[in-house]
Amino acid sequence: MILALGLSNFSAKKEAILLGSFIVIAYLIRQVLKNLETAKRLEIIGIAIIVFVFRAMPGVGAGAS
């Protein structure tokens, strides 16, 4: 699906690829968390949020060097 969208002339292909990837990741996380106890589930979700926020923050870039 991603290859077909990437090679197509669809105007919103980046957004469609992002949405498709998000759906796959959400499904996989749901499968992992399905059979865990509540405390462990909340711990994993908290770690995932921290990692996401850390990766989403912009760096200092080339100006630091």
N, C-alpha and C. Protein backbone atom coordinates (compact mmCIF):
# COMPACT_ATOMS: atom_id res chain seq x y z
N MET A 1 0.83 -1.18 0.00
CA MET A 1 0.00 0.00 0.00
C MET A 1 0.88 1.25 0.00
N ILE A 2 1.91 1.27 0.86
CA ILE A 2 2.77 2.44 0.96
C ILE A 2 3.54 2.65 -0.34
N LEU A 3 4.01 1.58 -0.94
CA LEU A 3 4.73 1.70 -2.21
C LEU A 3 3.82 2.23 -3.31
N ALA A 4 2.60 1.73 -3.37
CA ALA A 4 1.65 2.19 -4.38
C ALA A 4 1.32 3.67 -4.17
N LEU A 5 1.12 4.09 -2.93
CA LEU A 5 0.84 5.50 -2.67
C LEU A 5 2.05 6.37 -2.99
N GLY A 6 3.24 5.89 -2.64
CA GLY A 6 4.45 6.67 -2.88
C GLY A 6 4.71 6.91 -4.35
N LEU A 7 4.36 5.96 -5.18
CA LEU A 7 4.59 6.10 -6.61
C LEU A 7 3.43 6.74 -7.36
N SER A 8 2.33 6.97 -6.68
CA SER A 8 1.14 7.52 -7.34
C SER A 8 1.20 9.04 -7.39
N ASN A 9 0.23 9.63 -8.04
CA ASN A 9 0.10 11.08 -8.14
C ASN A 9 -0.93 11.62 -7.14
N PHE A 10 -1.30 10.82 -6.15
CA PHE A 10 -2.26 11.22 -5.13
C PHE A 10 -1.70 12.42 -4.36
N SER A 11 -2.49 13.48 -4.24
CA SER A 11 -1.96 14.72 -3.67
C SER A 11 -1.68 14.63 -2.17
N ALA A 12 -2.39 13.80 -1.43
CA ALA A 12 -2.20 13.71 0.02
C ALA A 12 -1.54 12.38 0.39
N LYS A 13 -0.55 11.96 -0.39
CA LYS A 13 0.04 10.65 -0.16
C LYS A 13 0.85 10.59 1.13
N LYS A 14 1.51 11.67 1.52
CA LYS A 14 2.27 11.66 2.77
C LYS A 14 1.34 11.49 3.97
N GLU A 15 0.21 12.18 3.93
CA GLU A 15 -0.76 12.08 5.02
C GLU A 15 -1.38 10.69 5.06
N ALA A 16 -1.66 10.11 3.89
CA ALA A 16 -2.25 8.77 3.84
C ALA A 16 -1.26 7.72 4.36
N ILE A 17 0.00 7.87 4.02
CA ILE A 17 1.03 6.94 4.52
C ILE A 17 1.16 7.07 6.03
N LEU A 18 1.15 8.31 6.53
CA LEU A 18 1.22 8.54 7.98
C LEU A 18 0.02 7.92 8.68
N LEU A 19 -1.16 8.11 8.16
CA LEU A 19 -2.37 7.54 8.77
C LEU A 19 -2.34 6.02 8.74
N GLY A 20 -1.93 5.44 7.62
CA GLY A 20 -1.83 3.98 7.52
C GLY A 20 -0.82 3.41 8.50
N SER A 21 0.32 4.08 8.63
CA SER A 21 1.33 3.64 9.59
C SER A 21 0.81 3.75 11.02
N PHE A 22 0.11 4.83 11.32
CA PHE A 22 -0.45 5.00 12.66
C PHE A 22 -1.46 3.91 12.98
N ILE A 23 -2.29 3.55 12.02
CA ILE A 23 -3.28 2.49 12.25
C ILE A 23 -2.59 1.16 12.54
N VAL A 24 -1.55 0.84 11.80
CA VAL A 24 -0.82 -0.42 12.03
C VAL A 24 -0.17 -0.41 13.42
N ILE A 25 0.47 0.70 13.79
CA ILE A 25 1.13 0.79 15.10
C ILE A 25 0.11 0.71 16.22
N ALA A 26 -1.03 1.40 16.07
CA ALA A 26 -2.07 1.36 17.10
C ALA A 26 -2.62 -0.05 17.26
N TYR A 27 -2.80 -0.76 16.18
CA TYR A 27 -3.29 -2.14 16.25
C TYR A 27 -2.28 -3.04 16.99
N LEU A 28 -1.00 -2.89 16.65
CA LEU A 28 0.03 -3.72 17.29
C LEU A 28 0.15 -3.41 18.78
N ILE A 29 0.09 -2.14 19.15
CA ILE A 29 0.15 -1.78 20.57
C ILE A 29 -1.07 -2.33 21.30
N ARG A 30 -2.23 -2.27 20.67
CA ARG A 30 -3.44 -2.82 21.31
C ARG A 30 -3.30 -4.32 21.54
N GLN A 31 -2.72 -5.03 20.59
CA GLN A 31 -2.54 -6.47 20.75
C GLN A 31 -1.57 -6.78 21.90
N VAL A 32 -0.53 -5.96 22.04
CA VAL A 32 0.44 -6.17 23.11
C VAL A 32 -0.18 -5.89 24.48
N LEU A 33 -0.98 -4.83 24.57
CA LEU A 33 -1.53 -4.41 25.85
C LEU A 33 -2.79 -5.16 26.25
N LYS A 34 -3.35 -5.93 25.36
CA LYS A 34 -4.64 -6.57 25.59
C LYS A 34 -4.64 -7.48 26.82
N ASN A 35 -3.61 -8.24 27.03
CA ASN A 35 -3.62 -9.24 28.10
C ASN A 35 -2.79 -8.83 29.33
N LEU A 36 -2.41 -7.57 29.43
CA LEU A 36 -1.60 -7.13 30.56
C LEU A 36 -2.49 -6.57 31.66
N GLU A 37 -1.97 -6.59 32.88
CA GLU A 37 -2.69 -5.99 34.00
C GLU A 37 -2.63 -4.47 33.87
N THR A 38 -3.53 -3.78 34.56
CA THR A 38 -3.70 -2.34 34.39
C THR A 38 -2.45 -1.56 34.72
N ALA A 39 -1.76 -1.89 35.80
CA ALA A 39 -0.57 -1.14 36.19
C ALA A 39 0.52 -1.24 35.13
N LYS A 40 0.76 -2.42 34.62
CA LYS A 40 1.78 -2.62 33.59
C LYS A 40 1.37 -1.93 32.29
N ARG A 41 0.08 -1.97 31.96
CA ARG A 41 -0.42 -1.31 30.75
C ARG A 41 -0.18 0.20 30.83
N LEU A 42 -0.49 0.81 31.97
CA LEU A 42 -0.29 2.25 32.13
C LEU A 42 1.19 2.62 32.09
N GLU A 43 2.03 1.75 32.62
CA GLU A 43 3.48 1.99 32.58
C GLU A 43 3.99 2.01 31.15
N ILE A 44 3.57 1.06 30.35
CA ILE A 44 4.01 1.00 28.95
C ILE A 44 3.47 2.19 28.16
N ILE A 45 2.23 2.57 28.39
CA ILE A 45 1.66 3.73 27.70
C ILE A 45 2.41 5.00 28.09
N GLY A 46 2.74 5.15 29.37
CA GLY A 46 3.50 6.32 29.83
C GLY A 46 4.87 6.40 29.18
N ILE A 47 5.55 5.26 29.09
CA ILE A 47 6.87 5.24 28.44
C ILE A 47 6.74 5.60 26.96
N ALA A 48 5.72 5.09 26.30
CA ALA A 48 5.51 5.40 24.88
C ALA A 48 5.26 6.89 24.68
N ILE A 49 4.52 7.52 25.57
CA ILE A 49 4.26 8.95 25.47
C ILE A 49 5.55 9.75 25.67
N ILE A 50 6.34 9.35 26.66
CA ILE A 50 7.61 10.05 26.92
C ILE A 50 8.53 9.95 25.70
N VAL A 51 8.64 8.76 25.13
CA VAL A 51 9.50 8.57 23.95
C VAL A 51 8.98 9.40 22.78
N PHE A 52 7.66 9.42 22.57
CA PHE A 52 7.09 10.20 21.47
C PHE A 52 7.39 11.68 21.65
N VAL A 53 7.18 12.21 22.85
CA VAL A 53 7.42 13.64 23.09
C VAL A 53 8.90 13.95 22.91
N PHE A 54 9.77 13.09 23.42
CA PHE A 54 11.21 13.32 23.26
C PHE A 54 11.60 13.35 21.79
N ARG A 55 11.08 12.42 21.00
CA ARG A 55 11.44 12.37 19.57
C ARG A 55 10.79 13.50 18.77
N ALA A 56 9.66 14.03 19.24
CA ALA A 56 8.96 15.09 18.51
C ALA A 56 9.57 16.47 18.75
N MET A 57 10.36 16.61 19.82
CA MET A 57 10.95 17.92 20.13
C MET A 57 12.07 18.22 19.14
N PRO A 58 12.08 19.44 18.62
CA PRO A 58 13.14 19.79 17.66
C PRO A 58 14.50 19.91 18.36
N GLY A 59 15.52 19.55 17.66
CA GLY A 59 16.88 19.68 18.18
C GLY A 59 17.44 21.07 17.91
N VAL A 60 18.65 21.32 18.37
CA VAL A 60 19.26 22.62 18.16
C VAL A 60 19.78 22.78 16.75
N GLY A 61 20.00 21.69 16.06
CA GLY A 61 20.39 21.75 14.67
C GLY A 61 21.86 22.09 14.47
N ALA A 62 22.16 22.59 13.30
CA ALA A 62 23.54 22.89 12.93
C ALA A 62 24.10 24.09 13.70
N GLY A 63 23.24 24.91 14.28
CA GLY A 63 23.69 26.09 15.01
C GLY A 63 24.49 25.74 16.26
N ALA A 64 24.35 24.53 16.79
CA ALA A 64 25.05 24.13 18.00
C ALA A 64 26.54 23.88 17.74
N SER A 65 26.87 23.58 16.52
CA SER A 65 28.28 23.31 16.22
C SER A 65 28.91 24.53 15.59
